[in-house]
PDB file of N, CA and C in Angstrom:
ATOM      1  N   ASN A   1       2.628 -11.018   8.318  1.00  0.00           N
ATOM      2  CA  ASN A   1       1.881  -9.873   7.820  1.00  0.00           C
ATOM      3  C   ASN A   1       0.884  -9.341   8.837  1.00  0.00           C
ATOM      4  N   CYS A   2       0.313 -10.204   9.639  1.00  0.00           N
ATOM      5  CA  CYS A   2      -0.764  -9.800  10.540  1.00  0.00           C
ATOM      6  C   CYS A   2      -0.273  -9.472  11.951  1.00  0.00           C
ATOM      7  N   ALA A   3       0.836 -10.078  12.345  1.00  0.00           N
ATOM      8  CA  ALA A   3       1.297  -9.944  13.727  1.00  0.00           C
ATOM      9  C   ALA A   3       1.706  -8.527  14.098  1.00  0.00           C
ATOM     10  N   SER A   4       2.079  -7.705  13.127  1.00  0.00           N
ATOM     11  CA  SER A   4       2.487  -6.350  13.479  1.00  0.00           C
ATOM     12  C   SER A   4       1.342  -5.569  14.116  1.00  0.00           C
ATOM     13  N   CYS A   5       0.105  -5.900  13.776  1.00  0.00           N
ATOM     14  CA  CYS A   5      -1.056  -5.237  14.380  1.00  0.00           C
ATOM     15  C   CYS A   5      -1.789  -6.127  15.386  1.00  0.00           C
ATOM     16  N   HIS A   6      -1.700  -7.441  15.199  1.00  0.00           N
ATOM     17  CA  HIS A   6      -2.474  -8.369  16.025  1.00  0.00           C
ATOM     18  C   HIS A   6      -1.594  -9.149  16.989  1.00  0.00           C
ATOM     19  N   SER A   7      -0.830  -8.404  17.809  1.00  0.00           N
ATOM     20  CA  SER A   7      -0.010  -8.999  18.857  1.00  0.00           C
ATOM     21  C   SER A   7       0.266  -7.951  19.918  1.00  0.00           C
ATOM     22  N   GLY A   8       0.548  -8.427  21.114  1.00  0.00           N
ATOM     23  CA  GLY A   8       0.902  -7.514  22.197  1.00  0.00           C
ATOM     24  C   GLY A   8      -0.140  -6.445  22.404  1.00  0.00           C
ATOM     25  N   TYR A   9       0.309  -5.218  22.428  1.00  0.00           N
ATOM     26  CA  TYR A   9      -0.603  -4.095  22.642  1.00  0.00           C
ATOM     27  C   TYR A   9      -0.843  -3.311  21.353  1.00  0.00           C
ATOM     28  N   ALA A  10      -0.588  -3.922  20.209  1.00  0.00           N
ATOM     29  CA  ALA A  10      -0.765  -3.249  18.926  1.00  0.00           C
ATOM     30  C   ALA A  10      -2.238  -2.988  18.643  1.00  0.00           C
ATOM     31  N   GLU A  11      -2.479  -2.116  17.691  1.00  0.00           N
ATOM     32  CA  GLU A  11      -3.829  -1.636  17.361  1.00  0.00           C
ATOM     33  C   GLU A  11      -4.843  -2.754  17.126  1.00  0.00           C
ATOM     34  N   GLY A  12      -4.494  -3.734  16.324  1.00  0.00           N
ATOM     35  CA  GLY A  12      -5.439  -4.789  15.986  1.00  0.00           C
ATOM     36  C   GLY A  12      -5.865  -5.615  17.174  1.00  0.00           C
ATOM     37  N   GLU A  13      -4.902  -5.983  18.003  1.00  0.00           N
ATOM     38  CA  GLU A  13      -5.263  -6.761  19.186  1.00  0.00           C
ATOM     39  C   GLU A  13      -6.009  -5.902  20.194  1.00  0.00           C
ATOM     40  N   ALA A  14      -5.593  -4.667  20.353  1.00  0.00           N
ATOM     41  CA  ALA A  14      -6.258  -3.776  21.305  1.00  0.00           C
ATOM     42  C   ALA A  14      -7.726  -3.566  20.937  1.00  0.00           C
ATOM     43  N   SER A  15      -8.008  -3.455  19.640  1.00  0.00           N
ATOM     44  CA  SER A  15      -9.387  -3.161  19.247  1.00  0.00           C
ATOM     45  C   SER A  15     -10.274  -4.395  19.116  1.00  0.00           C
ATOM     46  N   THR A  16      -9.688  -5.556  18.802  1.00  0.00           N
ATOM     47  CA  THR A  16     -10.512  -6.751  18.570  1.00  0.00           C
ATOM     48  C   THR A  16     -10.269  -7.880  19.551  1.00  0.00           C
ATOM     49  N   GLY A  17      -9.099  -7.884  20.168  1.00  0.00           N
ATOM     50  CA  GLY A  17      -8.731  -9.000  21.028  1.00  0.00           C
ATOM     51  C   GLY A  17      -8.055 -10.132  20.273  1.00  0.00           C
ATOM     52  N   LEU A  18      -7.869  -9.985  18.956  1.00  0.00           N
ATOM     53  CA  LEU A  18      -7.262 -11.050  18.162  1.00  0.00           C
ATOM     54  C   LEU A  18      -5.745 -10.951  18.203  1.00  0.00           C
ATOM     55  N   ASN A  19      -5.123 -12.033  18.680  1.00  0.00           N
ATOM     56  CA  ASN A  19      -3.674 -12.159  18.700  1.00  0.00           C
ATOM     57  C   ASN A  19      -3.333 -13.335  17.795  1.00  0.00           C
ATOM     58  N   VAL A  20      -2.445 -13.108  16.833  1.00  0.00           N
ATOM     59  CA  VAL A  20      -2.107 -14.160  15.874  1.00  0.00           C
ATOM     60  C   VAL A  20      -0.695 -14.708  16.067  1.00  0.00           C
ATOM     61  N   THR A  21      -0.103 -14.481  17.230  1.00  0.00           N
ATOM     62  CA  THR A  21       1.286 -14.875  17.426  1.00  0.00           C
ATOM     63  C   THR A  21       1.466 -16.365  17.701  1.00  0.00           C
ATOM     64  N   ASP A  22       0.408 -17.063  18.067  1.00  0.00           N
ATOM     65  CA  ASP A  22       0.522 -18.507  18.244  1.00  0.00           C
ATOM     66  C   ASP A  22      -0.828 -19.162  17.935  1.00  0.00           C
ATOM     67  N   TYR A  23      -0.773 -20.450  17.745  1.00  0.00           N
ATOM     68  CA  TYR A  23      -1.949 -21.212  17.321  1.00  0.00           C
ATOM     69  C   TYR A  23      -3.117 -21.053  18.304  1.00  0.00           C
ATOM     70  N   ALA A  24      -2.852 -21.224  19.597  1.00  0.00           N
ATOM     71  CA  ALA A  24      -3.924 -21.149  20.593  1.00  0.00           C
ATOM     72  C   ALA A  24      -4.610 -19.787  20.581  1.00  0.00           C
ATOM     73  N   SER A  25      -3.840 -18.737  20.467  1.00  0.00           N
ATOM     74  CA  SER A  25      -4.419 -17.391  20.444  1.00  0.00           C
ATOM     75  C   SER A  25      -5.255 -17.171  19.189  1.00  0.00           C
ATOM     76  N   LEU A  26      -4.739 -17.599  18.050  1.00  0.00           N
ATOM     77  CA  LEU A  26      -5.489 -17.461  16.803  1.00  0.00           C
ATOM     78  C   LEU A  26      -6.801 -18.231  16.881  1.00  0.00           C
ATOM     79  N   MET A  27      -6.738 -19.450  17.383  1.00  0.00           N
ATOM     80  CA  MET A  27      -7.949 -20.264  17.444  1.00  0.00           C
ATOM     81  C   MET A  27      -8.931 -19.754  18.496  1.00  0.00           C
ATOM     82  N   HIS A  28      -8.435 -19.002  19.479  1.00  0.00           N
ATOM     83  CA  HIS A  28      -9.328 -18.384  20.464  1.00  0.00           C
ATOM     84  C   HIS A  28     -10.197 -17.331  19.789  1.00  0.00           C
ATOM     85  N   GLY A  29      -9.620 -16.612  18.843  1.00  0.00           N
ATOM     86  CA  GLY A  29     -10.375 -15.621  18.075  1.00  0.00           C
ATOM     87  C   GLY A  29     -10.382 -14.244  18.699  1.00  0.00           C
ATOM     88  N   THR A  30     -11.493 -13.528  18.511  1.00  0.00           N
ATOM     89  CA  THR A  30     -11.641 -12.159  18.999  1.00  0.00           C
ATOM     90  C   THR A  30     -12.559 -12.132  20.216  1.00  0.00           C
ATOM     91  N   ARG A  31     -12.820 -10.946  20.690  1.00  0.00           N
ATOM     92  CA  ARG A  31     -13.783 -10.798  21.790  1.00  0.00           C
ATOM     93  C   ARG A  31     -15.179 -11.254  21.374  1.00  0.00           C
ATOM     94  N   LEU A  32     -15.422 -11.255  20.075  1.00  0.00           N
ATOM     95  CA  LEU A  32     -16.736 -11.646  19.563  1.00  0.00           C
ATOM     96  C   LEU A  32     -16.825 -13.130  19.235  1.00  0.00           C
ATOM     97  N   GLY A  33     -15.709 -13.835  19.276  1.00  0.00           N
ATOM     98  CA  GLY A  33     -15.735 -15.266  19.014  1.00  0.00           C
ATOM     99  C   GLY A  33     -14.658 -15.720  18.056  1.00  0.00           C
ATOM    100  N   GLU A  34     -14.797 -16.959  17.614  1.00  0.00           N
ATOM    101  CA  GLU A  34     -13.779 -17.575  16.764  1.00  0.00           C
ATOM    102  C   GLU A  34     -13.684 -16.900  15.407  1.00  0.00           C
ATOM    103  N   VAL A  35     -12.498 -16.985  14.805  1.00  0.00           N
ATOM    104  CA  VAL A  35     -12.284 -16.436  13.468  1.00  0.00           C
ATOM    105  C   VAL A  35     -11.939 -17.536  12.475  1.00  0.00           C
ATOM    106  N   VAL A  36     -11.687 -18.732  12.993  1.00  0.00           N
ATOM    107  CA  VAL A  36     -11.375 -19.882  12.147  1.00  0.00           C
ATOM    108  C   VAL A  36     -12.351 -21.003  12.477  1.00  0.00           C
ATOM    109  N   VAL A  37     -13.041 -21.489  11.452  1.00  0.00           N
ATOM    110  CA  VAL A  37     -13.914 -22.652  11.581  1.00  0.00           C
ATOM    111  C   VAL A  37     -13.228 -23.769  10.802  1.00  0.00           C
ATOM    112  N   PRO A  38     -12.537 -24.676  11.497  1.00  0.00           N
ATOM    113  CA  PRO A  38     -11.807 -25.723  10.796  1.00  0.00           C
ATOM    114  C   PRO A  38     -12.698 -26.463   9.792  1.00  0.00           C
ATOM    115  N   GLY A  39     -12.186 -26.571   8.570  1.00  0.00           N
ATOM    116  CA  GLY A  39     -12.914 -27.256   7.518  1.00  0.00           C
ATOM    117  C   GLY A  39     -13.788 -26.370   6.668  1.00  0.00           C
ATOM    118  N   SER A  40     -13.940 -25.096   7.049  1.00  0.00           N
ATOM    119  CA  SER A  40     -14.826 -24.211   6.294  1.00  0.00           C
ATOM    120  C   SER A  40     -14.266 -22.794   6.188  1.00  0.00           C
ATOM    121  N   ALA A  41     -13.543 -22.533   5.117  1.00  0.00           N
ATOM    122  CA  ALA A  41     -13.037 -21.177   4.891  1.00  0.00           C
ATOM    123  C   ALA A  41     -14.188 -20.199   4.720  1.00  0.00           C
ATOM    124  N   ALA A  42     -15.269 -20.640   4.081  1.00  0.00           N
ATOM    125  CA  ALA A  42     -16.419 -19.764   3.837  1.00  0.00           C
ATOM    126  C   ALA A  42     -17.095 -19.326   5.136  1.00  0.00           C
ATOM    127  N   SER A  43     -16.876 -20.064   6.220  1.00  0.00           N
ATOM    128  CA  SER A  43     -17.456 -19.708   7.519  1.00  0.00           C
ATOM    129  C   SER A  43     -16.434 -19.067   8.448  1.00  0.00           C
ATOM    130  N   SER A  44     -15.210 -18.888   7.970  1.00  0.00           N
ATOM    131  CA  SER A  44     -14.117 -18.380   8.794  1.00  0.00           C
ATOM    132  C   SER A  44     -13.870 -16.907   8.517  1.00  0.00           C
ATOM    133  N   THR A  45     -14.081 -16.099   9.529  1.00  0.00           N
ATOM    134  CA  THR A  45     -13.873 -14.662   9.402  1.00  0.00           C
ATOM    135  C   THR A  45     -12.455 -14.350   8.949  1.00  0.00           C
ATOM    136  N   LEU A  46     -11.480 -15.086   9.452  1.00  0.00           N
ATOM    137  CA  LEU A  46     -10.094 -14.839   9.048  1.00  0.00           C
ATOM    138  C   LEU A  46      -9.963 -14.879   7.530  1.00  0.00           C
ATOM    139  N   TYR A  47     -10.471 -15.921   6.914  1.00  0.00           N
ATOM    140  CA  TYR A  47     -10.379 -16.030   5.458  1.00  0.00           C
ATOM    141  C   TYR A  47     -11.175 -14.920   4.775  1.00  0.00           C
ATOM    142  N   LEU A  48     -12.368 -14.660   5.246  1.00  0.00           N
ATOM    143  CA  LEU A  48     -13.223 -13.661   4.596  1.00  0.00           C
ATOM    144  C   LEU A  48     -12.603 -12.271   4.612  1.00  0.00           C
ATOM    145  N   VAL A  49     -11.938 -11.907   5.721  1.00  0.00           N
ATOM    146  CA  VAL A  49     -11.370 -10.553   5.789  1.00  0.00           C
ATOM    147  C   VAL A  49     -10.087 -10.405   4.987  1.00  0.00           C
ATOM    148  N   VAL A  50      -9.292 -11.472   4.858  1.00  0.00           N
ATOM    149  CA  VAL A  50      -8.054 -11.346   4.076  1.00  0.00           C
ATOM    150  C   VAL A  50      -8.283 -11.573   2.584  1.00  0.00           C
ATOM    151  N   SER A  51      -9.381 -12.228   2.230  1.00  0.00           N
ATOM    152  CA  SER A  51      -9.650 -12.500   0.814  1.00  0.00           C
ATOM    153  C   SER A  51     -10.416 -11.379   0.133  1.00  0.00           C
ATOM    154  N   GLY A  52     -10.893 -10.417   0.918  1.00  0.00           N
ATOM    155  CA  GLY A  52     -11.678  -9.324   0.350  1.00  0.00           C
ATOM    156  C   GLY A  52     -13.147  -9.649   0.230  1.00  0.00           C
ATOM    157  N   GLU A  53     -13.578 -10.777   0.804  1.00  0.00           N
ATOM    158  CA  GLU A  53     -14.976 -11.185   0.712  1.00  0.00           C
ATOM    159  C   GLU A  53     -15.836 -10.584   1.829  1.00  0.00           C
ATOM    160  N   ALA A  54     -15.209  -9.938   2.794  1.00  0.00           N
ATOM    161  CA  ALA A  54     -15.950  -9.272   3.865  1.00  0.00           C
ATOM    162  C   ALA A  54     -16.242  -7.838   3.447  1.00  0.00           C
ATOM    163  N   SER A  55     -17.127  -7.178   4.171  1.00  0.00           N
ATOM    164  CA  SER A  55     -17.419  -5.786   3.846  1.00  0.00           C
ATOM    165  C   SER A  55     -16.144  -4.952   4.008  1.00  0.00           C
ATOM    166  N   PRO A  56     -16.010  -3.899   3.214  1.00  0.00           N
ATOM    167  CA  PRO A  56     -14.773  -3.103   3.206  1.00  0.00           C
ATOM    168  C   PRO A  56     -14.347  -2.579   4.579  1.00  0.00           C
ATOM    169  N   GLU A  57     -15.285  -2.330   5.463  1.00  0.00           N
ATOM    170  CA  GLU A  57     -14.944  -1.785   6.787  1.00  0.00           C
ATOM    171  C   GLU A  57     -14.104  -2.745   7.611  1.00  0.00           C
ATOM    172  N   ILE A  58     -14.211  -4.046   7.341  1.00  0.00           N
ATOM    173  CA  ILE A  58     -13.474  -5.007   8.160  1.00  0.00           C
ATOM    174  C   ILE A  58     -12.438  -5.801   7.369  1.00  0.00           C
ATOM    175  N   GLN A  59     -12.188  -5.454   6.114  1.00  0.00           N
ATOM    176  CA  GLN A  59     -11.167  -6.159   5.353  1.00  0.00           C
ATOM    177  C   GLN A  59      -9.803  -5.936   5.990  1.00  0.00           C
ATOM    178  N   MET A  60      -8.968  -6.942   5.905  1.00  0.00           N
ATOM    179  CA  MET A  60      -7.628  -6.869   6.458  1.00  0.00           C
ATOM    180  C   MET A  60      -6.623  -7.188   5.366  1.00  0.00           C
ATOM    181  N   PRO A  61      -5.488  -6.525   5.392  1.00  0.00           N
ATOM    182  CA  PRO A  61      -5.199  -5.410   6.272  1.00  0.00           C
ATOM    183  C   PRO A  61      -6.120  -4.243   5.956  1.00  0.00           C
ATOM    184  N   PRO A  62      -6.206  -3.288   6.882  1.00  0.00           N
ATOM    185  CA  PRO A  62      -7.123  -2.174   6.674  1.00  0.00           C
ATOM    186  C   PRO A  62      -6.778  -1.404   5.397  1.00  0.00           C
ATOM    187  N   HIS A  63      -7.797  -1.015   4.687  1.00  0.00           N
ATOM    188  CA  HIS A  63      -7.594  -0.328   3.415  1.00  0.00           C
ATOM    189  C   HIS A  63      -7.970   1.153   3.480  1.00  0.00           C
ATOM    190  N   HIS A  64      -8.112   1.708   4.684  1.00  0.00           N
ATOM    191  CA  HIS A  64      -8.440   3.126   4.777  1.00  0.00           C
ATOM    192  C   HIS A  64      -7.191   3.966   4.537  1.00  0.00           C
ATOM    193  N   GLU A  65      -7.382   5.249   4.232  1.00  0.00           N
ATOM    194  CA  GLU A  65      -6.274   6.120   3.814  1.00  0.00           C
ATOM    195  C   GLU A  65      -5.142   6.187   4.829  1.00  0.00           C
ATOM    196  N   GLU A  66      -5.465   6.248   6.105  1.00  0.00           N
ATOM    197  CA  GLU A  66      -4.427   6.317   7.129  1.00  0.00           C
ATOM    198  C   GLU A  66      -3.561   5.056   7.094  1.00  0.00           C
ATOM    199  N   ALA A  67      -4.194   3.907   6.970  1.00  0.00           N
ATOM    200  CA  ALA A  67      -3.451   2.650   6.921  1.00  0.00           C
ATOM    201  C   ALA A  67      -2.569   2.596   5.679  1.00  0.00           C
ATOM    202  N   LEU A  68      -3.093   3.022   4.550  1.00  0.00           N
ATOM    203  CA  LEU A  68      -2.303   3.029   3.320  1.00  0.00           C
ATOM    204  C   LEU A  68      -1.077   3.929   3.473  1.00  0.00           C
ATOM    205  N   ALA A  69      -1.254   5.100   4.066  1.00  0.00           N
ATOM    206  CA  ALA A  69      -0.159   6.045   4.255  1.00  0.00           C
ATOM    207  C   ALA A  69       0.924   5.470   5.169  1.00  0.00           C
ATOM    208  N   GLU A  70       0.509   4.634   6.111  1.00  0.00           N
ATOM    209  CA  GLU A  70       1.463   4.028   7.045  1.00  0.00           C
ATOM    210  C   GLU A  70       2.036   2.720   6.514  1.00  0.00           C
ATOM    211  N   GLY A  71       1.642   2.325   5.312  1.00  0.00           N
ATOM    212  CA  GLY A  71       2.140   1.083   4.739  1.00  0.00           C
ATOM    213  C   GLY A  71       1.441  -0.158   5.252  1.00  0.00           C
ATOM    214  N   ARG A  72       0.282   0.007   5.888  1.00  0.00           N
ATOM    215  CA  ARG A  72      -0.440  -1.131   6.450  1.00  0.00           C
ATOM    216  C   ARG A  72      -1.607  -1.563   5.574  1.00  0.00           C
ATOM    217  N   GLY A  73      -1.743  -0.983   4.398  1.00  0.00           N
ATOM    218  CA  GLY A  73      -2.915  -1.264   3.591  1.00  0.00           C
ATOM    219  C   GLY A  73      -2.702  -2.228   2.451  1.00  0.00           C
ATOM    220  N   THR A  74      -1.538  -2.843   2.376  1.00  0.00           N
ATOM    221  CA  THR A  74      -1.247  -3.746   1.282  1.00  0.00           C
ATOM    222  C   THR A  74      -1.882  -5.111   1.540  1.00  0.00           C
ATOM    223  N   ALA A  75      -2.720  -5.528   0.626  1.00  0.00           N
ATOM    224  CA  ALA A  75      -3.393  -6.812   0.780  1.00  0.00           C
ATOM    225  C   ALA A  75      -2.392  -7.956   0.646  1.00  0.00           C
ATOM    226  N   LEU A  76      -2.730  -9.095   1.217  1.00  0.00           N
ATOM    227  CA  LEU A  76      -1.925 -10.297   1.038  1.00  0.00           C
ATOM    228  C   LEU A  76      -1.958 -10.701  -0.425  1.00  0.00           C
ATOM    229  N   ASP A  77      -0.886 -11.303  -0.893  1.00  0.00           N
ATOM    230  CA  ASP A  77      -0.923 -11.756  -2.281  1.00  0.00           C
ATOM    231  C   ASP A  77      -1.814 -12.990  -2.385  1.00  0.00           C
ATOM    232  N   LYS A  78      -2.224 -13.299  -3.597  1.00  0.00           N
ATOM    233  CA  LYS A  78      -3.216 -14.361  -3.806  1.00  0.00           C
ATOM    234  C   LYS A  78      -2.711 -15.714  -3.331  1.00  0.00           C
ATOM    235  N   ASP A  79      -1.396 -15.958  -3.391  1.00  0.00           N
ATOM    236  CA  ASP A  79      -0.859 -17.229  -2.909  1.00  0.00           C
ATOM    237  C   ASP A  79      -1.000 -17.353  -1.394  1.00  0.00           C
ATOM    238  N   ASP A  80      -0.766 -16.251  -0.666  1.00  0.00           N
ATOM    239  CA  ASP A  80      -0.930 -16.278   0.793  1.00  0.00           C
ATOM    240  C   ASP A  80      -2.393 -16.479   1.175  1.00  0.00           C
ATOM    241  N   VAL A  81      -3.295 -15.818   0.457  1.00  0.00           N
ATOM    242  CA  VAL A  81      -4.728 -15.985   0.727  1.00  0.00           C
ATOM    243  C   VAL A  81      -5.134 -17.432   0.456  1.00  0.00           C
ATOM    244  N   GLN A  82      -4.636 -18.004  -0.622  1.00  0.00           N
ATOM    245  CA  GLN A  82      -4.950 -19.400  -0.948  1.00  0.00           C
ATOM    246  C   GLN A  82      -4.377 -20.348   0.104  1.00  0.00           C
ATOM    247  N   LEU A  83      -3.186 -20.058   0.610  1.00  0.00           N
ATOM    248  CA  LEU A  83      -2.577 -20.871   1.657  1.00  0.00           C
ATOM    249  C   LEU A  83      -3.447 -20.873   2.910  1.00  0.00           C
ATOM    250  N   ILE A  84      -3.959 -19.718   3.302  1.00  0.00           N
ATOM    251  CA  ILE A  84      -4.850 -19.624   4.459  1.00  0.00           C
ATOM    252  C   ILE A  84      -6.122 -20.416   4.202  1.00  0.00           C
ATOM    253  N   LYS A  85      -6.685 -20.257   3.023  1.00  0.00           N
ATOM    254  CA  LYS A  85      -7.908 -20.996   2.677  1.00  0.00           C
ATOM    255  C   LYS A  85      -7.669 -22.501   2.736  1.00  0.00           C
ATOM    256  N   ASP A  86      -6.579 -22.955   2.130  1.00  0.00           N
ATOM    257  CA  ASP A  86      -6.274 -24.386   2.121  1.00  0.00           C
ATOM    258  C   ASP A  86      -6.079 -24.922   3.535  1.00  0.00           C
ATOM    259  N   TRP A  87      -5.351 -24.164   4.369  1.00  0.00           N
ATOM    260  CA  TRP A  87      -5.110 -24.575   5.750  1.00  0.00           C
ATOM    261  C   TRP A  87      -6.425 -24.741   6.497  1.00  0.00           C
ATOM    262  N   ILE A  88      -7.327 -23.791   6.348  1.00  0.00           N
ATOM    263  CA  ILE A  88      -8.629 -23.870   7.016  1.00  0.00           C
ATOM    264  C   ILE A  88      -9.424 -25.054   6.478  1.00  0.00           C
ATOM    265  N   GLU A  89      -9.495 -25.187   5.153  1.00  0.00           N
ATOM    266  CA  GLU A  89     -10.259 -26.273   4.530  1.00  0.00           C
ATOM    267  C   GLU A  89      -9.744 -27.641   4.946  1.00  0.00           C
ATOM    268  N   GLN A  90      -8.427 -27.741   5.203  1.00  0.00           N
ATOM    269  CA  GLN A  90      -7.828 -29.013   5.599  1.00  0.00           C
ATOM    270  C   GLN A  90      -7.907 -29.258   7.105  1.00  0.00           C
ATOM    271  N   GLY A  91      -8.666 -28.439   7.809  1.00  0.00           N
ATOM    272  CA  GLY A  91      -8.896 -28.674   9.225  1.00  0.00           C
ATOM    273  C   GLY A  91      -8.196 -27.730  10.178  1.00  0.00           C
ATOM    274  N   ALA A  92      -7.457 -26.755   9.665  1.00  0.00           N
ATOM    275  CA  ALA A  92      -6.785 -25.746  10.501  1.00  0.00           C
ATOM    276  C   ALA A  92      -5.977 -26.386  11.631  1.00  0.00           C
ATOM    277  N   LYS A  93      -5.168 -27.350  11.269  1.00  0.00           N
ATOM    278  CA  LYS A  93      -4.380 -28.069  12.273  1.00  0.00           C
ATOM    279  C   LYS A  93      -3.180 -27.249  12.729  1.00  0.00           C
ATOM    280  N   ASN A  94      -2.702 -27.554  13.907  1.00  0.00           N
ATOM    281  CA  ASN A  94      -1.534 -26.882  14.489  1.00  0.00           C
ATOM    282  C   ASN A  94      -0.279 -27.553  13.934  1.00  0.00           C
ATOM    283  N   ASN A  95       0.065 -27.190  12.725  1.00  0.00           N
ATOM    284  CA  ASN A  95       1.251 -27.796  12.114  1.00  0.00           C
ATOM    285  C   ASN A  95       2.102 -26.694  11.564  1.00  0.00           C
TER     286      ASN A  95
END
């Protein structure tokens, strides 16, 4: 769901530096720092932006009108969000 924007030269990676195509890149985070804090979903930007707990300007996928029109505004389903949360809470291991 995220790699279409956060890989290669796509919009998400170009604007933030976040590449989600492999574990090392994801754990590296953005130009501003890490997005995953192993053991703490509440401290992990990745979880906060996909769960809707971040401010609307940075929620992912983007929910602005242009993104919705392009089909990029559909939020992850609750099971996927829970899977991300569980993975982070369990230490965000490379498995």
